[in-house]
Every structure is written in structure tokens, then in C-alpha cells.
């Protein structure tokens, strides 16, 4: 505290702070740090809502964003972790190839299903395929793995299956 009875960082008289808290002025946008008004923290420009217009983002909207995007991000992390394993060969010959391609389709079907909960159908497909391409690029740098364009096609098929399943369940 400074010698003049003011907080050294805010410039607001400390004896006035309890009164401001009691009156609710801080909740209405009065900042003890600026001494003036500040914008409401729940009213921020949100680029994905209405072409950049100012939008109210409340707790319910944040919960919806979290409940739709956290599963997508978590599943993308699972895919990344599996892709980071050096060698997944089972030694079963042709069955090894079939099992790996089924794993690709399945993991990307889940990703497509989760993506369509967060964004519309076409962007969900594009995001799923872009993630598949990035995943194949990542595998190119993992010892014992190879990134292959044909796997992106298999992954895209999986994304389509996930989108289809989500549409069927929504009906």
C-alpha cells in the first residue's frame, strides 16, 4: 500500500473497495484497476458466431462448446498416440493388413461421428480428412511406420461412415 492510502497497483482508495463490492459496481463493469468501466467479460467478439458480430457467450454456450469439442480433441489425441507407436505389425500376413485397415476405418468413423456433433456435415468431413492427412504425415516420421496416401482414403471412408452413423442416429 502506498503512503497516500491507495493500493500501489490499482490507484483506487482501499477504503472504497468494500463499498464498491457491496454496491455491486464491480459486477456491473467498474474495475478497481482502471477506475472506469470495462466491457462485460461475457460479451466478446466471437468469430464463429454470426460473421464476427459481438455475441454473448454465457456458461451454457461454453458448456456446449466443451461438450462437443472436448471429445473430438480427446479422440484426436488417441489417434495421435496410436500413430506414435513404432510398429503395430501382428505377423499375421494378410490378416495383419486387413486388421490395420479396419482399425483405420473404425478410429476415423468415431472421429467423424464426434466431429458432426460439433460442426455441420461438410466441414466435419473436411476436418476429418485434413486430420487424416496430418496423421499420415506424422506417421512418416515415426520409426517402423509409413505415411501412405491410400491410408488417407481409408480414413476418409471411416469419416464418411461416422457421419452416416450420426445422421442415422439423429433420425
N, C-alpha and C. Protein backbone atom coordinates (compact mmCIF):
# COMPACT_ATOMS: atom_id res chain seq x y z
N UNK A 1 0.85 -1.16 0.00
CA UNK A 1 0.00 0.00 0.00
C UNK A 1 0.89 1.22 0.00
N UNK A 2 0.50 2.21 -0.77
CA UNK A 2 1.26 3.45 -0.87
C UNK A 2 0.94 4.34 0.33
N UNK A 3 1.75 5.35 0.54
CA UNK A 3 1.58 6.26 1.68
C UNK A 3 0.30 7.07 1.58
N UNK A 4 -0.26 7.24 0.38
CA UNK A 4 -1.46 8.05 0.23
C UNK A 4 -2.75 7.26 0.48
N UNK A 5 -2.64 6.01 0.97
CA UNK A 5 -3.82 5.22 1.27
C UNK A 5 -4.40 4.51 0.05
N UNK A 6 -3.66 4.51 -1.03
CA UNK A 6 -4.12 3.85 -2.25
C UNK A 6 -3.33 2.57 -2.48
N UNK A 7 -3.96 1.64 -3.11
CA UNK A 7 -3.26 0.41 -3.47
C UNK A 7 -2.21 0.77 -4.50
N UNK A 8 -1.03 0.18 -4.40
CA UNK A 8 0.07 0.55 -5.28
C UNK A 8 -0.19 0.12 -6.72
N UNK A 9 -1.04 -0.87 -6.97
CA UNK A 9 -1.22 -1.33 -8.33
C UNK A 9 -2.51 -0.82 -8.97
N UNK A 10 -3.51 -0.40 -8.20
CA UNK A 10 -4.76 -0.01 -8.82
C UNK A 10 -5.04 1.47 -8.79
N UNK A 11 -4.47 2.20 -7.83
CA UNK A 11 -4.76 3.61 -7.73
C UNK A 11 -6.10 3.89 -7.09
N UNK A 12 -6.87 2.88 -6.71
CA UNK A 12 -8.18 3.04 -6.10
C UNK A 12 -8.02 3.12 -4.60
N UNK A 13 -8.66 4.07 -3.93
CA UNK A 13 -8.56 4.12 -2.47
C UNK A 13 -9.06 2.81 -1.87
N UNK A 14 -8.26 2.22 -1.03
CA UNK A 14 -8.61 0.92 -0.47
C UNK A 14 -9.85 0.97 0.40
N UNK A 15 -10.10 2.09 1.07
CA UNK A 15 -11.28 2.16 1.92
C UNK A 15 -12.57 2.19 1.10
N UNK A 16 -12.50 2.46 -0.21
CA UNK A 16 -13.69 2.48 -1.06
C UNK A 16 -14.00 1.11 -1.65
N UNK A 17 -13.04 0.19 -1.65
CA UNK A 17 -13.25 -1.11 -2.28
C UNK A 17 -14.40 -1.89 -1.66
N UNK A 18 -14.51 -2.00 -0.31
CA UNK A 18 -15.65 -2.73 0.24
C UNK A 18 -16.98 -2.13 -0.17
N UNK A 19 -17.06 -0.81 -0.26
CA UNK A 19 -18.30 -0.17 -0.68
C UNK A 19 -18.65 -0.50 -2.12
N UNK A 20 -17.64 -0.55 -2.98
CA UNK A 20 -17.87 -0.91 -4.37
C UNK A 20 -18.35 -2.35 -4.48
N UNK A 21 -17.76 -3.22 -3.68
CA UNK A 21 -18.18 -4.61 -3.71
C UNK A 21 -19.61 -4.75 -3.22
N UNK A 22 -19.95 -4.04 -2.15
CA UNK A 22 -21.29 -4.12 -1.59
C UNK A 22 -22.32 -3.54 -2.55
N UNK A 23 -21.97 -2.48 -3.26
CA UNK A 23 -22.94 -1.85 -4.15
C UNK A 23 -23.11 -2.62 -5.45
N UNK A 24 -22.23 -3.56 -5.72
CA UNK A 24 -22.32 -4.33 -6.96
C UNK A 24 -21.70 -3.61 -8.14
N UNK A 25 -21.03 -2.50 -7.92
CA UNK A 25 -20.45 -1.75 -9.02
C UNK A 25 -19.40 -2.55 -9.77
N UNK A 26 -18.65 -3.38 -9.03
CA UNK A 26 -17.64 -4.20 -9.72
C UNK A 26 -18.32 -5.20 -10.64
N UNK A 27 -19.44 -5.75 -10.20
CA UNK A 27 -20.14 -6.72 -11.04
C UNK A 27 -20.73 -6.05 -12.27
N UNK A 28 -20.95 -4.71 -12.21
CA UNK A 28 -21.54 -4.00 -13.33
C UNK A 28 -20.49 -3.48 -14.31
N UNK A 29 -19.23 -3.77 -14.08
CA UNK A 29 -18.21 -3.38 -15.04
C UNK A 29 -17.25 -2.34 -14.54
N UNK A 30 -17.33 -1.90 -13.29
CA UNK A 30 -16.37 -0.96 -12.74
C UNK A 30 -15.14 -1.76 -12.32
N UNK A 31 -14.01 -1.37 -12.79
CA UNK A 31 -12.78 -2.09 -12.48
C UNK A 31 -11.97 -1.33 -11.45
N UNK A 32 -11.54 -2.01 -10.39
CA UNK A 32 -10.69 -1.33 -9.42
C UNK A 32 -9.33 -0.99 -10.01
N UNK A 33 -8.95 -1.64 -11.09
CA UNK A 33 -7.63 -1.42 -11.68
C UNK A 33 -7.61 -0.22 -12.61
N UNK A 34 -8.72 0.07 -13.23
CA UNK A 34 -8.74 1.18 -14.18
C UNK A 34 -9.47 2.39 -13.64
N UNK A 35 -10.30 2.18 -12.64
CA UNK A 35 -11.07 3.29 -12.09
C UNK A 35 -12.24 3.65 -12.98
N UNK A 36 -12.42 2.98 -14.10
CA UNK A 36 -13.52 3.28 -15.02
C UNK A 36 -14.29 2.01 -15.34
N UNK A 37 -14.95 2.04 -16.46
CA UNK A 37 -15.73 0.87 -16.86
C UNK A 37 -14.90 0.01 -17.80
N UNK A 38 -15.20 -1.25 -17.78
CA UNK A 38 -14.58 -2.20 -18.69
C UNK A 38 -15.70 -2.98 -19.36
N UNK A 39 -15.47 -3.52 -20.52
CA UNK A 39 -16.52 -4.29 -21.17
C UNK A 39 -16.88 -5.53 -20.35
N UNK A 40 -18.12 -5.92 -20.45
CA UNK A 40 -18.57 -7.14 -19.79
C UNK A 40 -17.77 -8.31 -20.36
N UNK A 41 -17.21 -9.14 -19.51
CA UNK A 41 -16.35 -10.23 -19.97
C UNK A 41 -17.11 -11.30 -20.72
N UNK A 42 -18.44 -11.35 -20.57
CA UNK A 42 -19.21 -12.34 -21.30
C UNK A 42 -19.63 -11.85 -22.68
N UNK A 43 -19.35 -10.59 -23.01
CA UNK A 43 -19.67 -10.05 -24.33
C UNK A 43 -18.37 -9.79 -25.07
N UNK A 44 -17.98 -10.75 -25.85
CA UNK A 44 -16.73 -10.63 -26.60
C UNK A 44 -17.00 -10.96 -28.06
N UNK A 45 -16.22 -10.42 -28.97
CA UNK A 45 -16.39 -10.81 -30.37
C UNK A 45 -16.03 -12.28 -30.51
N UNK A 46 -16.88 -13.04 -31.13
CA UNK A 46 -16.67 -14.46 -31.30
C UNK A 46 -16.72 -14.76 -32.78
N UNK A 47 -15.59 -15.07 -33.40
CA UNK A 47 -15.53 -15.12 -34.86
C UNK A 47 -16.39 -16.18 -35.51
N UNK A 48 -16.82 -17.20 -34.76
CA UNK A 48 -17.59 -18.26 -35.38
C UNK A 48 -19.09 -18.05 -35.25
N UNK A 49 -19.50 -16.97 -34.58
CA UNK A 49 -20.92 -16.74 -34.37
C UNK A 49 -21.34 -15.49 -35.12
N UNK A 50 -22.00 -15.66 -36.23
CA UNK A 50 -22.61 -14.54 -36.92
C UNK A 50 -21.65 -13.58 -37.59
N UNK A 51 -20.65 -14.06 -38.25
CA UNK A 51 -19.76 -13.23 -39.07
C UNK A 51 -19.06 -12.15 -38.26
N UNK A 52 -18.61 -12.45 -37.07
CA UNK A 52 -17.81 -11.51 -36.31
C UNK A 52 -18.60 -10.52 -35.48
N UNK A 53 -19.92 -10.63 -35.44
CA UNK A 53 -20.69 -9.72 -34.60
C UNK A 53 -20.42 -10.02 -33.14
N UNK A 54 -20.67 -9.05 -32.30
CA UNK A 54 -20.49 -9.25 -30.87
C UNK A 54 -21.59 -10.19 -30.39
N UNK A 55 -21.23 -11.20 -29.64
CA UNK A 55 -22.17 -12.21 -29.20
C UNK A 55 -21.99 -12.46 -27.72
N UNK A 56 -23.07 -12.75 -27.04
CA UNK A 56 -22.99 -13.10 -25.63
C UNK A 56 -22.60 -14.56 -25.52
N UNK A 57 -21.52 -14.83 -24.79
CA UNK A 57 -21.08 -16.20 -24.55
C UNK A 57 -21.31 -16.47 -23.07
N UNK A 58 -22.35 -17.19 -22.77
CA UNK A 58 -22.67 -17.49 -21.39
C UNK A 58 -22.17 -18.85 -20.99
N UNK A 59 -22.42 -19.21 -19.75
CA UNK A 59 -21.97 -20.52 -19.26
C UNK A 59 -22.55 -21.69 -20.04
N UNK A 60 -23.80 -21.56 -20.48
CA UNK A 60 -24.40 -22.67 -21.23
C UNK A 60 -23.71 -22.85 -22.58
N UNK A 61 -23.38 -21.74 -23.24
CA UNK A 61 -22.69 -21.83 -24.52
C UNK A 61 -21.30 -22.42 -24.34
N UNK A 62 -20.62 -22.04 -23.27
CA UNK A 62 -19.29 -22.60 -23.02
C UNK A 62 -19.38 -24.09 -22.72
N UNK A 63 -20.42 -24.49 -21.99
CA UNK A 63 -20.60 -25.93 -21.72
C UNK A 63 -20.87 -26.69 -23.00
N UNK A 64 -21.65 -26.09 -23.90
CA UNK A 64 -21.95 -26.76 -25.17
C UNK A 64 -20.68 -26.91 -26.00
N UNK A 65 -19.88 -25.86 -26.06
CA UNK A 65 -18.62 -25.94 -26.79
C UNK A 65 -17.73 -27.02 -26.19
N UNK A 66 -17.65 -27.05 -24.86
CA UNK A 66 -16.82 -28.05 -24.20
C UNK A 66 -17.36 -29.45 -24.45
N UNK A 67 -18.67 -29.63 -24.37
CA UNK A 67 -19.23 -30.98 -24.51
C UNK A 67 -19.16 -31.48 -25.95
N UNK A 68 -19.04 -30.57 -26.92
CA UNK A 68 -18.94 -31.04 -28.30
C UNK A 68 -17.49 -31.13 -28.77
N UNK A 69 -16.61 -30.23 -28.32
CA UNK A 69 -15.24 -30.22 -28.82
C UNK A 69 -14.27 -31.03 -27.98
N UNK A 70 -14.48 -31.15 -26.68
CA UNK A 70 -13.54 -31.94 -25.86
C UNK A 70 -13.48 -33.40 -26.31
N UNK A 71 -14.60 -34.06 -26.60
CA UNK A 71 -14.49 -35.43 -27.11
C UNK A 71 -13.73 -35.52 -28.44
N UNK A 72 -13.90 -34.53 -29.31
CA UNK A 72 -13.18 -34.52 -30.58
C UNK A 72 -11.68 -34.42 -30.33
N UNK A 73 -11.29 -33.49 -29.47
CA UNK A 73 -9.87 -33.29 -29.18
C UNK A 73 -9.29 -34.52 -28.48
N UNK A 74 -10.05 -35.09 -27.55
CA UNK A 74 -9.57 -36.29 -26.84
C UNK A 74 -9.38 -37.45 -27.81
N UNK A 75 -10.35 -37.66 -28.70
CA UNK A 75 -10.23 -38.77 -29.65
C UNK A 75 -9.09 -38.53 -30.65
N UNK A 76 -8.92 -37.29 -31.07
CA UNK A 76 -7.78 -36.96 -31.94
C UNK A 76 -6.48 -37.26 -31.23
N UNK A 77 -6.43 -37.04 -29.92
CA UNK A 77 -5.25 -37.39 -29.13
C UNK A 77 -5.01 -38.89 -29.08
N UNK A 78 -6.09 -39.66 -28.99
CA UNK A 78 -5.97 -41.13 -29.01
C UNK A 78 -5.40 -41.57 -30.35
N UNK A 79 -5.92 -41.02 -31.44
CA UNK A 79 -5.41 -41.37 -32.76
C UNK A 79 -3.93 -41.02 -32.88
N UNK A 80 -3.57 -39.84 -32.40
CA UNK A 80 -2.17 -39.42 -32.45
C UNK A 80 -1.29 -40.37 -31.64
N UNK A 81 -1.76 -40.76 -30.46
CA UNK A 81 -0.98 -41.68 -29.62
C UNK A 81 -0.79 -43.03 -30.29
N UNK A 82 -1.84 -43.55 -30.90
CA UNK A 82 -1.73 -44.84 -31.60
C UNK A 82 -0.78 -44.71 -32.78
N UNK A 83 -0.84 -43.58 -33.47
CA UNK A 83 0.05 -43.36 -34.61
C UNK A 83 1.50 -43.21 -34.19
N UNK A 84 1.74 -42.92 -32.94
CA UNK A 84 3.10 -42.73 -32.44
C UNK A 84 3.78 -44.04 -32.05
N UNK A 85 3.01 -45.13 -32.00
CA UNK A 85 3.59 -46.43 -31.64
C UNK A 85 4.44 -46.91 -32.82
N UNK A 86 5.71 -47.27 -32.57
CA UNK A 86 6.62 -47.56 -33.68
C UNK A 86 6.18 -48.65 -34.65
N UNK A 87 5.79 -49.82 -34.19
CA UNK A 87 5.43 -50.88 -35.12
C UNK A 87 4.22 -51.62 -34.58
N UNK A 88 3.18 -51.68 -35.38
CA UNK A 88 1.96 -52.35 -34.94
C UNK A 88 1.71 -53.66 -35.66
N UNK A 89 2.72 -54.21 -36.31
CA UNK A 89 2.55 -55.46 -37.03
C UNK A 89 2.26 -56.62 -36.09
N UNK A 90 1.34 -57.50 -36.52
CA UNK A 90 0.97 -58.67 -35.72
C UNK A 90 1.63 -59.94 -36.23
N UNK A 91 2.18 -59.89 -37.44
CA UNK A 91 2.80 -61.07 -38.01
C UNK A 91 1.77 -62.05 -38.58
N UNK A 92 0.57 -61.59 -38.85
CA UNK A 92 -0.49 -62.45 -39.36
C UNK A 92 -0.65 -62.37 -40.88
N UNK A 93 0.31 -61.78 -41.56
CA UNK A 93 0.28 -61.72 -43.02
C UNK A 93 -0.85 -60.84 -43.53
N UNK A 94 -1.70 -61.42 -44.38
CA UNK A 94 -2.81 -60.68 -44.98
C UNK A 94 -3.78 -60.19 -43.91
N UNK A 95 -3.99 -61.00 -42.88
CA UNK A 95 -4.90 -60.59 -41.80
C UNK A 95 -4.38 -59.35 -41.09
N UNK A 96 -3.07 -59.21 -41.01
CA UNK A 96 -2.49 -58.02 -40.40
C UNK A 96 -2.91 -56.78 -41.18
N UNK A 97 -2.83 -56.85 -42.50
CA UNK A 97 -3.23 -55.73 -43.35
C UNK A 97 -4.72 -55.42 -43.16
N UNK A 98 -5.54 -56.45 -43.17
CA UNK A 98 -6.98 -56.27 -43.01
C UNK A 98 -7.31 -55.65 -41.65
N UNK A 99 -6.69 -56.15 -40.60
CA UNK A 99 -6.95 -55.63 -39.26
C UNK A 99 -6.52 -54.16 -39.13
N UNK A 100 -5.39 -53.81 -39.72
CA UNK A 100 -4.93 -52.43 -39.64
C UNK A 100 -5.86 -51.48 -40.40
N UNK A 101 -6.35 -51.92 -41.56
CA UNK A 101 -7.26 -51.07 -42.34
C UNK A 101 -8.61 -50.94 -41.61
N UNK A 102 -9.07 -52.01 -40.98
CA UNK A 102 -10.30 -51.92 -40.18
C UNK A 102 -10.11 -50.99 -38.99
N UNK A 103 -8.92 -50.99 -38.42
CA UNK A 103 -8.63 -50.08 -37.31
C UNK A 103 -8.67 -48.64 -37.80
N UNK A 104 -8.12 -48.39 -38.98
CA UNK A 104 -8.16 -47.04 -39.57
C UNK A 104 -9.61 -46.59 -39.75
N UNK A 105 -10.42 -47.45 -40.37
CA UNK A 105 -11.82 -47.10 -40.63
C UNK A 105 -12.55 -46.84 -39.32
N UNK A 106 -12.33 -47.69 -38.33
CA UNK A 106 -13.03 -47.55 -37.06
C UNK A 106 -12.64 -46.28 -36.32
N UNK A 107 -11.34 -46.01 -36.21
CA UNK A 107 -10.93 -44.82 -35.45
C UNK A 107 -11.39 -43.53 -36.13
N UNK A 108 -11.42 -43.52 -37.45
CA UNK A 108 -11.87 -42.32 -38.14
C UNK A 108 -13.39 -42.25 -38.24
N UNK A 109 -14.09 -43.37 -38.14
CA UNK A 109 -15.55 -43.34 -38.04
C UNK A 109 -15.96 -42.68 -36.72
N UNK A 110 -15.26 -43.02 -35.65
CA UNK A 110 -15.53 -42.38 -34.36
C UNK A 110 -15.23 -40.89 -34.45
N UNK A 111 -14.11 -40.53 -35.08
CA UNK A 111 -13.78 -39.11 -35.23
C UNK A 111 -14.86 -38.39 -36.04
N UNK A 112 -15.32 -38.97 -37.13
CA UNK A 112 -16.38 -38.36 -37.93
C UNK A 112 -17.66 -38.19 -37.14
N UNK A 113 -18.01 -39.21 -36.36
CA UNK A 113 -19.20 -39.16 -35.52
C UNK A 113 -19.11 -38.01 -34.52
N UNK A 114 -17.94 -37.86 -33.90
CA UNK A 114 -17.75 -36.79 -32.92
C UNK A 114 -17.70 -35.41 -33.59
N UNK A 115 -17.09 -35.33 -34.76
CA UNK A 115 -16.99 -34.04 -35.46
C UNK A 115 -18.36 -33.52 -35.88
N UNK A 116 -19.25 -34.40 -36.32
CA UNK A 116 -20.55 -33.94 -36.80
C UNK A 116 -21.41 -33.44 -35.64
N UNK A 117 -21.05 -33.77 -34.42
CA UNK A 117 -21.73 -33.19 -33.25
C UNK A 117 -21.29 -31.74 -33.04
N UNK A 118 -20.10 -31.39 -33.53
CA UNK A 118 -19.53 -30.07 -33.29
C UNK A 118 -19.75 -29.10 -34.45
N UNK A 119 -19.72 -29.60 -35.67
CA UNK A 119 -19.85 -28.74 -36.85
C UNK A 119 -20.78 -29.42 -37.85
N UNK A 120 -21.28 -28.68 -38.84
CA UNK A 120 -22.13 -29.29 -39.87
C UNK A 120 -21.41 -30.37 -40.67
N UNK A 121 -22.18 -31.07 -41.46
CA UNK A 121 -21.71 -32.26 -42.18
C UNK A 121 -20.48 -32.02 -43.06
N UNK A 122 -20.54 -31.07 -43.97
CA UNK A 122 -19.42 -30.85 -44.90
C UNK A 122 -18.13 -30.43 -44.17
N UNK A 123 -18.19 -29.47 -43.25
CA UNK A 123 -16.95 -29.14 -42.52
C UNK A 123 -16.44 -30.30 -41.68
N UNK A 124 -17.35 -31.12 -41.16
CA UNK A 124 -16.92 -32.29 -40.38
C UNK A 124 -16.11 -33.24 -41.26
N UNK A 125 -16.58 -33.46 -42.49
CA UNK A 125 -15.85 -34.33 -43.40
C UNK A 125 -14.48 -33.74 -43.74
N UNK A 126 -14.45 -32.45 -44.06
CA UNK A 126 -13.19 -31.80 -44.42
C UNK A 126 -12.20 -31.86 -43.25
N UNK A 127 -12.68 -31.54 -42.05
CA UNK A 127 -11.79 -31.58 -40.88
C UNK A 127 -11.27 -32.98 -40.62
N UNK A 128 -12.13 -33.99 -40.79
CA UNK A 128 -11.71 -35.38 -40.58
C UNK A 128 -10.64 -35.79 -41.58
N UNK A 129 -10.82 -35.43 -42.84
CA UNK A 129 -9.84 -35.80 -43.88
C UNK A 129 -8.54 -35.03 -43.68
N UNK A 130 -8.64 -33.75 -43.31
CA UNK A 130 -7.42 -32.99 -43.04
C UNK A 130 -6.65 -33.59 -41.86
N UNK A 131 -7.36 -34.03 -40.83
CA UNK A 131 -6.67 -34.66 -39.71
C UNK A 131 -6.02 -35.97 -40.15
N UNK A 132 -6.71 -36.71 -41.00
CA UNK A 132 -6.14 -37.97 -41.51
C UNK A 132 -4.86 -37.70 -42.29
N UNK A 133 -4.86 -36.67 -43.12
CA UNK A 133 -3.66 -36.33 -43.89
C UNK A 133 -2.52 -35.92 -42.95
N UNK A 134 -2.84 -35.14 -41.94
CA UNK A 134 -1.83 -34.76 -40.95
C UNK A 134 -1.31 -35.95 -40.17
N UNK A 135 -2.20 -36.90 -39.89
CA UNK A 135 -1.80 -38.10 -39.16
C UNK A 135 -0.86 -38.96 -40.01
N UNK A 136 -1.14 -39.06 -41.28
CA UNK A 136 -0.25 -39.82 -42.16
C UNK A 136 1.10 -39.14 -42.29
N UNK A 137 1.11 -37.82 -42.33
CA UNK A 137 2.38 -37.09 -42.35
C UNK A 137 3.15 -37.36 -41.06
N UNK A 138 2.45 -37.36 -39.94
CA UNK A 138 3.07 -37.67 -38.64
C UNK A 138 3.68 -39.07 -38.66
N UNK A 139 2.94 -40.05 -39.20
CA UNK A 139 3.44 -41.44 -39.23
C UNK A 139 4.70 -41.57 -40.09
N UNK A 140 4.84 -40.70 -41.05
CA UNK A 140 6.03 -40.73 -41.90
C UNK A 140 7.31 -40.56 -41.08
N UNK A 141 7.21 -39.86 -39.95
CA UNK A 141 8.37 -39.58 -39.11
C UNK A 141 8.51 -40.53 -37.93
N UNK A 142 7.60 -41.52 -37.82
CA UNK A 142 7.66 -42.49 -36.73
C UNK A 142 8.40 -43.73 -37.22
N UNK A 143 9.39 -44.17 -36.46
CA UNK A 143 10.19 -45.34 -36.83
C UNK A 143 9.29 -46.57 -36.94
N UNK A 144 9.43 -47.29 -38.03
CA UNK A 144 8.65 -48.51 -38.23
C UNK A 144 7.27 -48.27 -38.82
N UNK A 145 6.93 -47.02 -39.09
CA UNK A 145 5.62 -46.69 -39.68
C UNK A 145 5.86 -45.97 -41.00
N UNK A 146 4.84 -45.94 -41.82
CA UNK A 146 4.93 -45.18 -43.06
C UNK A 146 3.63 -44.42 -43.27
N UNK A 147 3.75 -43.23 -43.77
CA UNK A 147 2.57 -42.44 -44.13
C UNK A 147 2.22 -42.74 -45.57
N UNK A 148 0.97 -43.12 -45.81
CA UNK A 148 0.58 -43.50 -47.16
C UNK A 148 -0.69 -42.77 -47.58
N UNK A 149 -0.71 -42.22 -48.80
CA UNK A 149 -1.92 -41.55 -49.28
C UNK A 149 -3.14 -42.48 -49.32
N UNK A 150 -2.92 -43.77 -49.57
CA UNK A 150 -4.06 -44.70 -49.60
C UNK A 150 -4.71 -44.81 -48.23
N UNK A 151 -3.91 -44.62 -47.17
CA UNK A 151 -4.49 -44.65 -45.82
C UNK A 151 -5.36 -43.43 -45.56
N UNK A 152 -5.03 -42.31 -46.19
CA UNK A 152 -5.91 -41.13 -46.07
C UNK A 152 -7.26 -41.46 -46.70
N UNK A 153 -7.26 -42.18 -47.82
CA UNK A 153 -8.51 -42.57 -48.46
C UNK A 153 -9.31 -43.52 -47.56
N UNK A 154 -8.62 -44.46 -46.92
CA UNK A 154 -9.28 -45.39 -45.99
C UNK A 154 -9.84 -44.61 -44.80
N UNK A 155 -9.08 -43.65 -44.31
CA UNK A 155 -9.54 -42.82 -43.20
C UNK A 155 -10.75 -41.99 -43.61
N UNK A 156 -10.74 -41.46 -44.83
CA UNK A 156 -11.88 -40.68 -45.33
C UNK A 156 -13.13 -41.55 -45.39
N UNK A 157 -12.97 -42.80 -45.78
CA UNK A 157 -14.10 -43.73 -45.76
C UNK A 157 -14.63 -43.88 -44.34
N UNK A 158 -13.72 -43.99 -43.38
CA UNK A 158 -14.13 -44.08 -41.99
C UNK A 158 -14.88 -42.84 -41.53
N UNK A 159 -14.40 -41.66 -41.91
CA UNK A 159 -15.09 -40.41 -41.56
C UNK A 159 -16.50 -40.42 -42.14
N UNK A 160 -16.62 -40.83 -43.41
CA UNK A 160 -17.95 -40.91 -44.04
C UNK A 160 -18.87 -41.86 -43.29
N UNK A 161 -18.35 -42.99 -42.85
CA UNK A 161 -19.17 -43.94 -42.09
C UNK A 161 -19.62 -43.34 -40.76
N UNK A 162 -18.73 -42.60 -40.12
CA UNK A 162 -19.10 -41.94 -38.87
C UNK A 162 -20.17 -40.88 -39.08
N UNK A 163 -20.05 -40.11 -40.16
CA UNK A 163 -21.06 -39.11 -40.46
C UNK A 163 -22.41 -39.76 -40.77
N UNK A 164 -22.36 -40.85 -41.53
CA UNK A 164 -23.58 -41.58 -41.85
C UNK A 164 -24.24 -42.11 -40.59
N UNK A 165 -23.44 -42.70 -39.69
CA UNK A 165 -23.99 -43.25 -38.45
C UNK A 165 -24.61 -42.14 -37.59
N UNK A 166 -23.96 -41.00 -37.53
CA UNK A 166 -24.50 -39.88 -36.76
C UNK A 166 -25.83 -39.41 -37.35
N UNK A 167 -25.92 -39.35 -38.66
CA UNK A 167 -27.18 -38.94 -39.30
C UNK A 167 -28.29 -39.95 -39.05
N UNK A 168 -27.94 -41.23 -39.11
CA UNK A 168 -28.94 -42.29 -38.86
C UNK A 168 -29.46 -42.23 -37.42
N UNK A 169 -28.56 -42.01 -36.47
CA UNK A 169 -28.96 -41.94 -35.08
C UNK A 169 -29.77 -40.68 -34.78
N UNK A 170 -29.52 -39.62 -35.54
CA UNK A 170 -30.24 -38.36 -35.31
C UNK A 170 -31.69 -38.46 -35.75
N UNK A 171 -32.00 -39.37 -36.64
CA UNK A 171 -33.38 -39.50 -37.12
C UNK A 171 -34.22 -40.17 -36.14
